């Protein structure tokens, strides 16, 4: 009997982890605080437990995990959202006697979740970053008024908290009025934000560097190119393609070494054609939305992490397939319909990922309920809006 894996969250990123481990016979226990998360109905979830909210009820979450320890102790805790990452990292020392914990220590998790700290570490390590200014005072906003070039990003310091409240990742401001409105709105909700230089270029200029690090060394690496985002330019990926991008390997390694990182991380870069460099966007200290893509290409990060933490099997480097697409079909269809004119891609370019080797984020005939659940919710929302 394999040791259990406790997957914390049941969103798209978590679903890839649930399927990766469940198909290999790992007893997967899912803890989720959102009743609509699609991973809750996956056939590979042996058990589903409703969890306290990691942001507001972190102590209650830890108490639940401790109550489960007599039955599930020795299993691997795998936070798959930023909220769960922050909560588990904060109480990692309390949980370590009972579980193998798949997340960074509290200080390191804080440095990854607080984007302004991530940029400071990157700059000190010589990793290129966009110009970024923390808006911690209205006077800073007024001072930047004379220096700012539009369009510019108003970006949260703590991404998942901002996303929960505003249902968007950031704001692309085209004027000072838009900038001021975005800052005022965030401040009213208690969300710290930064001004960040907007790097021009298509969605395809974005690249993910996925790596499993241990004691400062990269054990396994995988890179992928973003193809289309939702929404375009400032959203999360809706189509990604596996691709060897050697230019991001060195800065990715340098940053994770500077952080003192161990475990899995997804580091995002964007190509800046103005000075011909890849610049850091952010670091995710947990499995990313397109985690199922790497697994499909021969680099199954959830399984490698599980075997390492549960049984001490140190992962070894391996190559991966180029040209495999990961598609979030619901978001791709919706945003293609809404933004096709502004994106300006020919029809053939929209269809290409579907006609080549691909995996879907949710649609899987061996595990159909997550996709059907999402489709049913979308249809219900559409019906209510009429």
Protein backbone atom coordinates (compact mmCIF):
# COMPACT_ATOMS: atom_id res chain seq x y z
CA UNK A 1 0.00 0.00 0.00
CA UNK A 2 1.45 3.32 -1.07
CA UNK A 3 1.48 6.17 1.41
CA UNK A 4 -1.39 8.64 0.99
CA UNK A 5 -1.02 11.98 -0.74
CA UNK A 6 -3.04 14.84 0.73
CA UNK A 7 -3.66 17.28 -2.11
CA UNK A 8 -4.64 20.67 -0.73
CA UNK A 9 -6.93 22.44 -3.23
CA UNK A 10 -9.00 20.96 -6.04
CA UNK A 11 -8.57 23.60 -8.76
CA UNK A 12 -7.01 23.10 -12.19
CA UNK A 13 -3.45 22.86 -10.88
CA UNK A 14 -4.50 20.36 -8.23
CA UNK A 15 -6.43 18.27 -10.76
CA UNK A 16 -3.21 17.55 -12.65
CA UNK A 17 -1.60 16.37 -9.40
CA UNK A 18 -4.65 14.27 -8.45
CA UNK A 19 -4.64 12.52 -11.83
CA UNK A 20 -0.88 12.03 -11.89
CA UNK A 21 -0.81 10.28 -8.53
CA UNK A 22 -4.20 8.58 -8.68
CA UNK A 23 -3.41 6.81 -11.94
CA UNK A 24 -0.37 5.30 -10.30
CA UNK A 25 -2.38 3.88 -7.44
CA UNK A 26 -1.54 6.48 -4.81
CA UNK A 27 -4.40 6.94 -2.31
CA UNK A 28 -5.24 10.60 -2.98
CA UNK A 29 -7.08 12.53 -0.28
CA UNK A 30 -8.31 15.93 -1.48
CA UNK A 31 -8.87 18.82 0.92
CA UNK A 32 -10.72 21.76 -0.60
CA UNK A 33 -12.53 24.80 0.79
CA UNK A 34 -14.27 25.72 -2.50
CA UNK A 35 -17.34 23.60 -3.21
CA UNK A 36 -17.16 24.36 -6.94
CA UNK A 37 -13.56 23.17 -7.48
CA UNK A 38 -13.53 20.55 -10.20
CA UNK A 39 -10.98 18.19 -8.64
CA UNK A 40 -13.47 17.33 -5.91
CA UNK A 41 -15.32 15.02 -8.31
CA UNK A 42 -12.29 13.34 -9.91
CA UNK A 43 -12.47 9.54 -9.92
CA UNK A 44 -8.87 9.54 -8.66
CA UNK A 45 -9.78 11.27 -5.40
CA UNK A 46 -10.19 8.38 -2.98
CA UNK A 47 -11.54 10.73 -0.33
CA UNK A 48 -12.82 14.31 -0.37
CA UNK A 49 -12.65 16.42 2.79
CA UNK A 50 -14.06 19.92 3.08
CA UNK A 51 -11.30 22.11 4.55
CA UNK A 52 -11.26 25.46 6.37
CA UNK A 53 -10.27 28.46 4.28
CA UNK A 54 -6.44 28.63 4.27
CA UNK A 55 -6.35 32.44 4.31
CA UNK A 56 -8.88 33.05 7.08
CA UNK A 57 -8.77 29.80 9.03
CA UNK A 58 -5.19 28.60 8.85
CA UNK A 59 -5.15 27.39 12.47
CA UNK A 60 -8.36 25.45 11.93
CA UNK A 61 -6.84 23.88 8.80
CA UNK A 62 -3.78 22.74 10.74
CA UNK A 63 -5.99 21.37 13.53
CA UNK A 64 -7.88 19.35 10.91
CA UNK A 65 -4.63 17.96 9.50
CA UNK A 66 -3.49 16.99 12.99
CA UNK A 67 -6.80 15.20 13.63
CA UNK A 68 -6.29 13.27 10.40
CA UNK A 69 -2.71 12.31 11.31
CA UNK A 70 -3.56 9.07 13.21
CA UNK A 71 -5.14 7.77 9.99
CA UNK A 72 -3.13 9.53 7.27
CA UNK A 73 0.11 10.33 9.07
CA UNK A 74 3.26 9.58 7.09
CA UNK A 75 1.53 10.77 3.95
CA UNK A 76 2.70 13.60 1.70
CA UNK A 77 1.11 17.04 2.03
CA UNK A 78 1.01 18.76 -1.37
CA UNK A 79 -0.37 22.35 -1.33
CA UNK A 80 -1.61 23.21 -4.84
CA UNK A 81 -2.73 26.81 -4.37
CA UNK A 82 -0.99 29.88 -2.99
CA UNK A 83 -3.44 30.07 -0.10
CA UNK A 84 -2.71 26.52 1.04
CA UNK A 85 1.00 27.03 0.39
CA UNK A 86 1.12 30.02 2.74
CA UNK A 87 -0.89 28.30 5.48
CA UNK A 88 1.04 25.01 5.42
CA UNK A 89 4.42 26.76 5.24
CA UNK A 90 3.50 28.89 8.26
CA UNK A 91 2.84 25.79 10.34
CA UNK A 92 5.34 23.47 8.67
CA UNK A 93 7.25 22.77 11.89
CA UNK A 94 4.02 21.68 13.57
CA UNK A 95 3.14 19.36 10.69
CA UNK A 96 6.56 17.81 10.04
CA UNK A 97 6.33 15.23 12.86
CA UNK A 98 3.21 13.84 11.20
CA UNK A 99 3.61 14.33 7.43
CA UNK A 100 6.11 14.71 4.61
CA UNK A 101 5.47 18.34 3.71
CA UNK A 102 5.87 19.33 0.05
CA UNK A 103 6.37 23.06 0.38
CA UNK A 104 9.15 25.52 1.27
CA UNK A 105 9.82 26.71 4.80
CA UNK A 106 7.82 29.68 6.04
CA UNK A 107 10.43 32.35 5.29
CA UNK A 108 11.04 31.08 1.77
CA UNK A 109 7.33 30.70 1.03
CA UNK A 110 6.86 34.28 2.18
CA UNK A 111 9.60 35.45 -0.22
CA UNK A 112 7.90 33.65 -3.11
CA UNK A 113 4.35 34.73 -2.30
CA UNK A 114 5.30 38.37 -1.66
CA UNK A 115 6.23 39.34 -5.20
CA UNK A 116 8.13 42.48 -4.19
CA UNK A 117 10.54 40.32 -2.17
CA UNK A 118 10.96 37.94 -5.11
CA UNK A 119 12.00 40.85 -7.33
CA UNK A 120 14.51 42.11 -4.75
CA UNK A 121 16.17 38.69 -4.59
CA UNK A 122 16.20 38.44 -8.38
CA UNK A 123 17.78 41.87 -8.81
CA UNK A 124 20.46 41.07 -6.22
CA UNK A 125 21.20 37.82 -8.08
CA UNK A 126 21.49 39.56 -11.43
CA UNK A 127 18.30 38.08 -12.90
CA UNK A 128 16.65 40.60 -15.27
CA UNK A 129 13.33 42.02 -14.04
CA UNK A 130 10.93 44.69 -15.26
CA UNK A 131 11.16 48.02 -13.45
CA UNK A 132 8.98 47.60 -10.35
CA UNK A 133 7.98 50.13 -7.69
CA UNK A 134 6.07 49.28 -4.51
CA UNK A 135 3.13 51.66 -4.04
CA UNK A 136 3.26 51.76 -0.26
CA UNK A 137 2.34 55.43 0.01
CA UNK A 138 0.21 57.86 -2.06
CA UNK A 139 3.29 60.09 -2.33
CA UNK A 140 5.02 57.32 -4.31
CA UNK A 141 2.13 57.32 -6.77
CA UNK A 142 2.40 61.08 -7.26
CA UNK A 143 6.15 60.86 -7.69
CA UNK A 144 5.79 58.11 -10.29
CA UNK A 145 3.23 60.19 -12.18
CA UNK A 146 6.05 62.07 -13.86
CA UNK A 147 8.17 59.00 -14.62
CA UNK A 148 5.65 56.38 -15.64
CA UNK A 149 5.24 55.24 -19.24
CA UNK A 150 1.86 53.86 -20.30
CA UNK A 151 0.57 51.24 -20.53
CA UNK A 152 1.75 50.05 -17.13
CA UNK A 153 0.80 47.20 -14.82
CA UNK A 154 -0.78 47.63 -11.41
CA UNK A 155 0.21 44.30 -9.92
CA UNK A 156 -0.59 42.85 -6.48
CA UNK A 157 2.10 42.05 -3.96
CA UNK A 158 0.11 39.00 -2.81
CA UNK A 159 -1.42 37.59 -5.96
CA UNK A 160 -3.95 35.05 -4.67
CA UNK A 161 -5.50 37.49 -2.19
CA UNK A 162 -5.99 40.08 -4.94
CA UNK A 163 -7.40 37.47 -7.35
CA UNK A 164 -9.92 36.30 -4.77
CA UNK A 165 -11.26 39.80 -4.24
CA UNK A 166 -11.17 41.21 -7.78
CA UNK A 167 -11.35 38.09 -10.01
CA UNK A 168 -8.38 39.29 -12.04
CA UNK A 169 -4.60 38.97 -11.72
CA UNK A 170 -3.69 42.62 -12.33
CA UNK A 171 -4.68 45.80 -14.16
CA UNK A 172 -3.11 47.14 -17.34
CA UNK A 173 -3.53 50.90 -16.99
CA UNK A 174 -3.41 53.10 -20.10
CA UNK A 175 -3.65 56.45 -18.32
CA UNK A 176 -2.95 57.98 -14.93
CA UNK A 177 -6.67 58.04 -14.17
CA UNK A 178 -6.86 54.28 -14.72
CA UNK A 179 -3.71 53.80 -12.65
CA UNK A 180 -5.05 55.90 -9.80
CA UNK A 181 -8.41 54.10 -9.87
CA UNK A 182 -6.74 50.66 -9.71
CA UNK A 183 -4.51 51.77 -6.82
CA UNK A 184 -7.41 53.32 -4.90
CA UNK A 185 -9.57 50.23 -5.40
CA UNK A 186 -6.83 47.90 -4.16
CA UNK A 187 -6.00 50.11 -1.19
CA UNK A 188 -9.65 50.16 -0.11
CA UNK A 189 -9.58 46.35 0.05
CA UNK A 190 -6.26 46.25 1.90
CA UNK A 191 -4.35 44.81 -1.07
CA UNK A 192 -0.81 46.12 -1.47
CA UNK A 193 0.14 46.72 -5.11
CA UNK A 194 3.16 47.58 -7.23
CA UNK A 195 3.73 49.51 -10.40
CA UNK A 196 5.48 47.37 -12.97
CA UNK A 197 6.80 48.17 -16.42
CA UNK A 198 4.70 46.42 -19.05
CA UNK A 199 6.82 44.34 -21.41
CA UNK A 200 5.33 44.58 -24.90
CA UNK A 201 4.87 41.51 -27.01
CA UNK A 202 2.42 38.68 -27.65
CA UNK A 203 1.35 36.04 -25.15
CA UNK A 204 3.78 33.67 -26.85
CA UNK A 205 6.68 35.67 -25.41
CA UNK A 206 6.01 34.09 -22.01
CA UNK A 207 7.96 31.02 -20.88
CA UNK A 208 7.72 28.71 -17.87
CA UNK A 209 10.83 27.24 -16.27
CA UNK A 210 9.71 24.32 -14.12
CA UNK A 211 12.32 22.82 -11.86
CA UNK A 212 12.67 20.40 -8.98
CA UNK A 213 15.52 21.67 -6.83
CA UNK A 214 17.18 20.08 -3.83
CA UNK A 215 20.02 21.52 -1.75
CA UNK A 216 20.67 24.18 -4.37
CA UNK A 217 20.87 21.78 -7.30
CA UNK A 218 18.40 21.37 -10.18
CA UNK A 219 17.48 17.69 -10.31
CA UNK A 220 14.80 17.83 -13.04
CA UNK A 221 13.90 20.68 -15.42
CA UNK A 222 11.18 21.38 -17.97
CA UNK A 223 10.39 24.46 -20.05
CA UNK A 224 7.26 25.46 -21.92
CA UNK A 225 6.07 28.41 -23.99
CA UNK A 226 2.80 30.19 -23.35
CA UNK A 227 0.69 30.39 -26.50
CA UNK A 228 -2.51 32.18 -25.42
CA UNK A 229 -3.54 33.78 -22.13
CA UNK A 230 -6.94 34.45 -20.57
CA UNK A 231 -7.45 37.35 -20.85
CA UNK A 232 -4.78 38.18 -23.46
CA UNK A 233 -1.55 39.89 -22.32
CA UNK A 234 -2.27 39.95 -18.57
CA UNK A 235 -4.05 36.70 -17.77
CA UNK A 236 -3.10 33.14 -16.85
CA UNK A 237 -2.40 30.61 -19.63
CA UNK A 238 -5.18 28.98 -21.62
CA UNK A 239 -2.82 27.25 -24.09
CA UNK A 240 0.79 26.20 -23.36
CA UNK A 241 3.28 24.19 -25.45
CA UNK A 242 6.25 22.13 -24.32
CA UNK A 243 9.42 23.61 -25.78
CA UNK A 244 13.11 23.55 -24.97
CA UNK A 245 14.02 27.15 -24.11
CA UNK A 246 17.66 26.99 -22.95
CA UNK A 247 17.86 30.78 -22.46
CA UNK A 248 15.76 30.61 -19.27
CA UNK A 249 17.63 27.71 -17.66
CA UNK A 250 20.52 29.75 -16.30
CA UNK A 251 18.49 32.68 -14.87
CA UNK A 252 15.95 30.22 -13.46
CA UNK A 253 18.66 28.27 -11.70
CA UNK A 254 20.34 31.43 -10.48
CA UNK A 255 17.15 32.75 -8.91
CA UNK A 256 16.18 29.50 -7.19
CA UNK A 257 19.72 29.15 -5.82
CA UNK A 258 19.60 32.74 -4.56
CA UNK A 259 16.32 31.94 -2.80
CA UNK A 260 17.79 28.77 -1.31
CA UNK A 261 14.92 26.84 -2.82
CA UNK A 262 14.19 23.13 -2.42
CA UNK A 263 11.23 21.39 -4.02
CA UNK A 264 9.16 22.13 -7.10
CA UNK A 265 8.81 25.66 -8.48
CA UNK A 266 7.44 27.19 -11.65
CA UNK A 267 9.36 30.35 -12.59
CA UNK A 268 7.77 32.54 -15.27
CA UNK A 269 9.71 34.76 -17.68
CA UNK A 270 8.76 37.00 -20.61
CA UNK A 271 10.94 37.86 -23.59
CA UNK A 272 11.68 41.58 -23.89
CA UNK A 273 12.60 42.28 -27.51
CA UNK A 274 13.78 45.79 -26.61
CA UNK A 275 16.94 44.55 -24.87
CA UNK A 276 16.72 40.90 -25.99
CA UNK A 277 16.44 39.32 -22.56
CA UNK A 278 14.02 37.12 -20.65
CA UNK A 279 12.70 39.00 -17.62
CA UNK A 280 11.23 37.51 -14.47
CA UNK A 281 7.47 37.63 -14.02
CA UNK A 282 7.01 35.53 -10.86
CA UNK A 283 7.84 32.32 -9.02
CA UNK A 284 5.14 29.82 -8.06
CA UNK A 285 6.15 27.65 -5.14
CA UNK A 286 3.63 24.91 -5.96
CA UNK A 287 2.48 22.93 -8.98
CA UNK A 288 1.22 25.19 -11.75
CA UNK A 289 -1.96 25.08 -13.83
CA UNK A 290 -0.33 23.20 -16.72
CA UNK A 291 1.37 20.57 -14.54
CA UNK A 292 -0.33 17.81 -16.54
CA UNK A 293 1.61 18.95 -19.64
CA UNK A 294 5.02 18.10 -18.17
CA UNK A 295 3.69 14.72 -17.06
CA UNK A 296 2.43 14.03 -20.59
CA UNK A 297 5.88 14.91 -21.95
CA UNK A 298 7.75 12.51 -19.66
CA UNK A 299 8.50 14.73 -16.66
CA UNK A 300 5.87 13.85 -14.06
CA UNK A 301 6.73 16.36 -11.33
CA UNK A 302 3.97 15.34 -8.86
CA UNK A 303 5.04 11.70 -9.01
CA UNK A 304 8.74 12.57 -8.74
CA UNK A 305 8.06 14.79 -5.72
CA UNK A 306 5.85 12.18 -4.11
CA UNK A 307 8.43 9.39 -4.50
CA UNK A 308 11.18 11.65 -3.20
CA UNK A 309 9.33 12.82 -0.10
CA UNK A 310 7.59 9.55 0.70
CA UNK A 311 10.36 7.08 -0.09
CA UNK A 312 13.58 9.07 -0.49
CA UNK A 313 13.97 8.34 -4.21
CA UNK A 314 16.00 11.27 -5.54
CA UNK A 315 14.76 12.34 -9.01
CA UNK A 316 17.22 12.31 -11.88
CA UNK A 317 17.37 14.51 -14.98
CA UNK A 318 15.36 13.43 -18.01
CA UNK A 319 14.52 14.83 -21.41
CA UNK A 320 11.01 15.70 -22.58
CA UNK A 321 8.98 15.92 -25.79
CA UNK A 322 8.76 19.21 -27.67
CA UNK A 323 5.61 20.45 -29.33
CA UNK A 324 2.92 19.00 -27.05
CA UNK A 325 0.09 21.40 -26.21
CA UNK A 326 -1.84 21.84 -22.97
CA UNK A 327 -5.30 23.35 -23.55
CA UNK A 328 -7.80 24.73 -21.08
CA UNK A 329 -10.61 24.18 -23.55
CA UNK A 330 -13.38 26.10 -21.76
CA UNK A 331 -11.28 29.22 -21.27
CA UNK A 332 -9.72 28.98 -24.72
CA UNK A 333 -13.07 28.78 -26.50
CA UNK A 334 -14.54 31.61 -24.45
CA UNK A 335 -11.61 34.01 -24.82
CA UNK A 336 -11.14 33.15 -28.48
CA UNK A 337 -14.75 34.13 -29.05
CA UNK A 338 -14.42 37.35 -27.02
CA UNK A 339 -10.93 38.48 -28.10
CA UNK A 340 -10.47 37.03 -31.57
CA UNK A 341 -10.65 40.43 -33.23
CA UNK A 342 -8.15 42.09 -30.87
CA UNK A 343 -5.77 39.10 -30.91
CA UNK A 344 -5.87 39.00 -34.70
CA UNK A 345 -4.74 35.39 -35.09
CA UNK A 346 -5.80 33.46 -38.21
CA UNK A 347 -8.24 30.59 -37.66
CA UNK A 348 -5.51 28.05 -38.42
CA UNK A 349 -3.47 29.34 -35.50
CA UNK A 350 -6.39 28.91 -33.11
CA UNK A 351 -6.97 25.36 -34.34
CA UNK A 352 -3.33 24.22 -34.40
CA UNK A 353 -3.12 23.08 -30.72
CA UNK A 354 -6.22 20.91 -31.21
CA UNK A 355 -4.83 19.27 -34.36
CA UNK A 356 -1.44 18.39 -32.90
CA UNK A 357 -0.41 16.34 -29.86
CA UNK A 358 -2.19 17.76 -26.85
CA UNK A 359 -3.65 17.22 -23.40
CA UNK A 360 -6.62 19.05 -21.95
CA UNK A 361 -6.60 20.72 -18.56
CA UNK A 362 -9.89 19.12 -17.56
CA UNK A 363 -11.39 17.06 -20.39
CA UNK A 364 -10.36 13.41 -19.97
CA UNK A 365 -12.55 10.47 -21.00
CA UNK A 366 -11.09 8.33 -18.22
CA UNK A 367 -12.01 11.00 -15.67
CA UNK A 368 -14.99 12.89 -17.17
CA UNK A 369 -16.69 14.37 -14.11
CA UNK A 370 -14.39 17.40 -13.60
CA UNK A 371 -15.06 18.66 -17.12
CA UNK A 372 -18.79 17.87 -16.93
CA UNK A 373 -18.99 19.69 -13.60
CA UNK A 374 -17.36 22.77 -15.07
CA UNK A 375 -19.56 22.63 -18.18
CA UNK A 376 -22.71 22.34 -16.06
CA UNK A 377 -21.74 25.38 -13.97
CA UNK A 378 -20.93 27.44 -17.07
CA UNK A 379 -24.26 26.48 -18.69
CA UNK A 380 -26.10 27.36 -15.48
CA UNK A 381 -24.47 30.81 -15.34
CA UNK A 382 -25.31 31.40 -18.99
CA UNK A 383 -28.95 30.42 -18.41
CA UNK A 384 -29.29 32.76 -15.43
CA UNK A 385 -27.84 35.67 -17.41
CA UNK A 386 -30.54 35.46 -20.09
